[in-house]
Amino acid sequence: MAPKQKRQRTTGKALDMNNYMNWGVTQLRHALAGIGLVTSPTFPLATLRKLYSDNVVNVSRNAARPVAQPLDRPTTVST
């Protein structure tokens, strides 16, 4: 027989509560309600995480990207 492996316990300090992937259903619902999204009480945790990711995380990432500025003069290509 193979030796039994002990399961490692995680304490509350091991989880980073700033990461939305560690949030519970209630905390995700409150965060989504804070940005104006009303969610169904039957949505599972995975769906709430996807909604949060699509509407909060990805929006903030896109806002951090610089927007291309238009050129003052037309672009020409010489050959």
N, C-alpha and C. Protein backbone atom coordinates (compact mmCIF):
# COMPACT_ATOMS: atom_id res chain seq x y z
N MET A 1 0.83 -1.19 0.00
CA MET A 1 0.00 0.00 0.00
C MET A 1 0.87 1.25 0.00
N ALA A 2 0.38 2.24 -0.66
CA ALA A 2 1.09 3.52 -0.70
C ALA A 2 0.91 4.24 0.62
N PRO A 3 1.92 5.01 1.01
CA PRO A 3 1.78 5.75 2.28
C PRO A 3 0.73 6.86 2.13
N LYS A 4 0.04 7.12 3.22
CA LYS A 4 -0.97 8.16 3.21
C LYS A 4 -0.30 9.53 3.19
N GLN A 5 -0.84 10.40 2.39
CA GLN A 5 -0.31 11.76 2.35
C GLN A 5 -1.18 12.64 3.23
N LYS A 6 -0.53 13.46 4.02
CA LYS A 6 -1.27 14.36 4.88
C LYS A 6 -1.73 15.56 4.06
N ARG A 7 -2.91 15.98 4.32
CA ARG A 7 -3.47 17.15 3.64
C ARG A 7 -2.97 18.41 4.34
N GLN A 8 -2.49 19.34 3.55
CA GLN A 8 -2.02 20.59 4.12
C GLN A 8 -3.19 21.51 4.38
N ARG A 9 -3.19 22.09 5.55
CA ARG A 9 -4.25 23.02 5.90
C ARG A 9 -3.85 24.43 5.49
N THR A 10 -4.82 25.17 5.05
CA THR A 10 -4.57 26.58 4.74
C THR A 10 -5.25 27.41 5.81
N THR A 11 -4.57 28.42 6.23
CA THR A 11 -5.17 29.32 7.21
C THR A 11 -5.77 30.50 6.48
N GLY A 12 -6.52 31.30 7.17
CA GLY A 12 -7.13 32.48 6.58
C GLY A 12 -6.09 33.46 6.06
N LYS A 13 -4.89 33.42 6.62
CA LYS A 13 -3.85 34.33 6.18
C LYS A 13 -3.26 33.91 4.84
N ALA A 14 -3.48 32.68 4.44
CA ALA A 14 -2.90 32.20 3.19
C ALA A 14 -3.65 32.75 1.97
N LEU A 15 -4.90 33.14 2.14
CA LEU A 15 -5.69 33.64 1.02
C LEU A 15 -5.54 35.15 0.91
N ASP A 16 -5.34 35.61 -0.30
CA ASP A 16 -5.25 37.04 -0.57
C ASP A 16 -6.65 37.54 -0.88
N MET A 17 -7.25 38.27 0.02
CA MET A 17 -8.63 38.72 -0.18
C MET A 17 -8.73 39.91 -1.13
N ASN A 18 -7.60 40.41 -1.63
CA ASN A 18 -7.64 41.43 -2.67
C ASN A 18 -7.85 40.80 -4.04
N ASN A 19 -7.65 39.49 -4.13
CA ASN A 19 -7.84 38.76 -5.38
C ASN A 19 -9.29 38.29 -5.45
N TYR A 20 -10.01 38.71 -6.49
CA TYR A 20 -11.42 38.35 -6.59
C TYR A 20 -11.65 36.85 -6.72
N MET A 21 -10.64 36.10 -7.10
CA MET A 21 -10.80 34.65 -7.21
C MET A 21 -10.96 33.99 -5.84
N ASN A 22 -10.61 34.69 -4.77
CA ASN A 22 -10.74 34.16 -3.42
C ASN A 22 -12.02 34.64 -2.73
N TRP A 23 -12.82 35.44 -3.42
CA TRP A 23 -14.04 35.97 -2.82
C TRP A 23 -15.16 34.95 -2.87
N GLY A 24 -16.08 35.09 -1.95
CA GLY A 24 -17.27 34.26 -1.93
C GLY A 24 -18.37 34.88 -2.77
N VAL A 25 -19.48 34.18 -2.84
CA VAL A 25 -20.61 34.62 -3.66
C VAL A 25 -21.13 35.97 -3.19
N THR A 26 -21.26 36.14 -1.88
CA THR A 26 -21.82 37.38 -1.34
C THR A 26 -20.94 38.58 -1.67
N GLN A 27 -19.65 38.42 -1.51
CA GLN A 27 -18.73 39.53 -1.78
C GLN A 27 -18.73 39.89 -3.27
N LEU A 28 -18.77 38.89 -4.14
CA LEU A 28 -18.84 39.15 -5.57
C LEU A 28 -20.14 39.86 -5.95
N ARG A 29 -21.26 39.42 -5.34
CA ARG A 29 -22.55 40.07 -5.64
C ARG A 29 -22.54 41.53 -5.21
N HIS A 30 -21.94 41.83 -4.05
CA HIS A 30 -21.86 43.21 -3.58
C HIS A 30 -20.98 44.04 -4.51
N ALA A 31 -19.87 43.47 -4.97
CA ALA A 31 -18.98 44.20 -5.87
C ALA A 31 -19.66 44.46 -7.21
N LEU A 32 -20.40 43.50 -7.73
CA LEU A 32 -21.11 43.68 -8.99
C LEU A 32 -22.26 44.68 -8.83
N ALA A 33 -22.93 44.65 -7.69
CA ALA A 33 -24.00 45.62 -7.44
C ALA A 33 -23.41 47.03 -7.35
N GLY A 34 -22.18 47.14 -6.86
CA GLY A 34 -21.53 48.43 -6.76
C GLY A 34 -21.27 49.08 -8.10
N ILE A 35 -21.15 48.29 -9.16
CA ILE A 35 -20.95 48.86 -10.50
C ILE A 35 -22.24 48.85 -11.31
N GLY A 36 -23.35 48.50 -10.64
CA GLY A 36 -24.66 48.59 -11.30
C GLY A 36 -25.15 47.32 -11.95
N LEU A 37 -24.52 46.20 -11.69
CA LEU A 37 -24.98 44.92 -12.26
C LEU A 37 -25.81 44.17 -11.22
N VAL A 38 -27.05 43.91 -11.55
CA VAL A 38 -27.92 43.13 -10.67
C VAL A 38 -27.84 41.69 -11.14
N THR A 39 -27.49 40.79 -10.24
CA THR A 39 -27.31 39.39 -10.62
C THR A 39 -28.43 38.54 -10.04
N SER A 40 -28.69 37.45 -10.70
CA SER A 40 -29.69 36.50 -10.23
C SER A 40 -29.15 35.75 -9.01
N PRO A 41 -30.01 35.47 -8.05
CA PRO A 41 -29.54 34.71 -6.88
C PRO A 41 -29.15 33.27 -7.23
N THR A 42 -29.48 32.82 -8.43
CA THR A 42 -29.16 31.45 -8.81
C THR A 42 -27.84 31.34 -9.57
N PHE A 43 -27.17 32.47 -9.83
CA PHE A 43 -25.89 32.41 -10.54
C PHE A 43 -24.85 31.70 -9.69
N PRO A 44 -24.14 30.73 -10.25
CA PRO A 44 -23.08 30.07 -9.50
C PRO A 44 -21.84 30.96 -9.37
N LEU A 45 -20.94 30.56 -8.51
CA LEU A 45 -19.72 31.32 -8.23
C LEU A 45 -18.90 31.56 -9.50
N ALA A 46 -18.79 30.56 -10.35
CA ALA A 46 -18.00 30.69 -11.59
C ALA A 46 -18.58 31.77 -12.50
N THR A 47 -19.89 31.86 -12.58
CA THR A 47 -20.53 32.87 -13.42
C THR A 47 -20.30 34.27 -12.85
N LEU A 48 -20.38 34.41 -11.53
CA LEU A 48 -20.14 35.71 -10.90
C LEU A 48 -18.69 36.15 -11.11
N ARG A 49 -17.76 35.20 -11.02
CA ARG A 49 -16.34 35.53 -11.26
C ARG A 49 -16.13 36.01 -12.69
N LYS A 50 -16.77 35.34 -13.65
CA LYS A 50 -16.64 35.73 -15.05
C LYS A 50 -17.24 37.11 -15.29
N LEU A 51 -18.39 37.39 -14.70
CA LEU A 51 -19.00 38.71 -14.83
C LEU A 51 -18.09 39.79 -14.24
N TYR A 52 -17.51 39.51 -13.08
CA TYR A 52 -16.62 40.47 -12.45
C TYR A 52 -15.38 40.69 -13.31
N SER A 53 -14.84 39.61 -13.82
CA SER A 53 -13.65 39.71 -14.66
C SER A 53 -13.93 40.52 -15.92
N ASP A 54 -15.04 40.25 -16.58
CA ASP A 54 -15.37 40.93 -17.83
C ASP A 54 -15.70 42.41 -17.62
N ASN A 55 -16.32 42.74 -16.50
CA ASN A 55 -16.80 44.10 -16.31
C ASN A 55 -15.94 44.98 -15.42
N VAL A 56 -15.06 44.41 -14.64
CA VAL A 56 -14.23 45.22 -13.75
C VAL A 56 -12.75 45.05 -14.08
N VAL A 57 -12.27 43.83 -14.08
CA VAL A 57 -10.84 43.58 -14.28
C VAL A 57 -10.41 43.96 -15.69
N ASN A 58 -11.11 43.48 -16.71
CA ASN A 58 -10.72 43.77 -18.09
C ASN A 58 -10.92 45.24 -18.45
N VAL A 59 -11.92 45.89 -17.87
CA VAL A 59 -12.14 47.31 -18.14
C VAL A 59 -10.99 48.13 -17.59
N SER A 60 -10.53 47.80 -16.38
CA SER A 60 -9.42 48.55 -15.80
C SER A 60 -8.12 48.28 -16.55
N ARG A 61 -7.95 47.10 -17.09
CA ARG A 61 -6.75 46.80 -17.89
C ARG A 61 -6.77 47.60 -19.18
N ASN A 62 -7.93 47.68 -19.82
CA ASN A 62 -8.03 48.43 -21.08
C ASN A 62 -7.86 49.92 -20.84
N ALA A 63 -8.28 50.42 -19.70
CA ALA A 63 -8.13 51.84 -19.41
C ALA A 63 -6.67 52.20 -19.17
N ALA A 64 -5.87 51.24 -18.74
CA ALA A 64 -4.46 51.51 -18.48
C ALA A 64 -3.63 51.56 -19.76
N ARG A 65 -4.15 51.02 -20.84
CA ARG A 65 -3.42 51.03 -22.11
C ARG A 65 -3.48 52.42 -22.73
N PRO A 66 -2.38 52.89 -23.24
CA PRO A 66 -2.42 54.20 -23.88
C PRO A 66 -3.17 54.12 -25.21
N VAL A 67 -3.89 55.16 -25.50
CA VAL A 67 -4.65 55.24 -26.75
C VAL A 67 -3.75 55.87 -27.80
N ALA A 68 -3.77 55.32 -28.99
CA ALA A 68 -2.93 55.85 -30.06
C ALA A 68 -3.41 57.26 -30.42
N GLN A 69 -2.48 58.18 -30.46
CA GLN A 69 -2.81 59.57 -30.80
C GLN A 69 -2.75 59.74 -32.32
N PRO A 70 -3.68 60.50 -32.88
CA PRO A 70 -3.63 60.73 -34.32
C PRO A 70 -2.42 61.58 -34.69
N LEU A 71 -1.89 61.34 -35.86
CA LEU A 71 -0.74 62.10 -36.32
C LEU A 71 -1.18 63.46 -36.86
N ASP A 72 -0.32 64.47 -36.71
CA ASP A 72 -0.62 65.80 -37.22
C ASP A 72 -0.52 65.86 -38.74
N ARG A 73 0.29 64.99 -39.29
CA ARG A 73 0.50 65.00 -40.73
C ARG A 73 0.17 63.61 -41.27
N PRO A 74 -0.18 63.53 -42.53
CA PRO A 74 -0.51 62.22 -43.10
C PRO A 74 0.74 61.33 -43.14
N THR A 75 0.52 60.07 -43.01
CA THR A 75 1.61 59.10 -43.06
C THR A 75 1.88 58.74 -44.51
N THR A 76 3.16 58.80 -44.89
CA THR A 76 3.55 58.45 -46.26
C THR A 76 4.56 57.33 -46.20
N VAL A 77 4.55 56.51 -47.22
CA VAL A 77 5.50 55.42 -47.33
C VAL A 77 6.34 55.65 -48.58
N SER A 78 7.66 55.67 -48.41
CA SER A 78 8.56 55.85 -49.56
C SER A 78 9.18 54.52 -49.92
N THR A 79 9.27 54.27 -51.22
CA THR A 79 9.92 53.04 -51.67
C THR A 79 11.11 53.32 -52.52
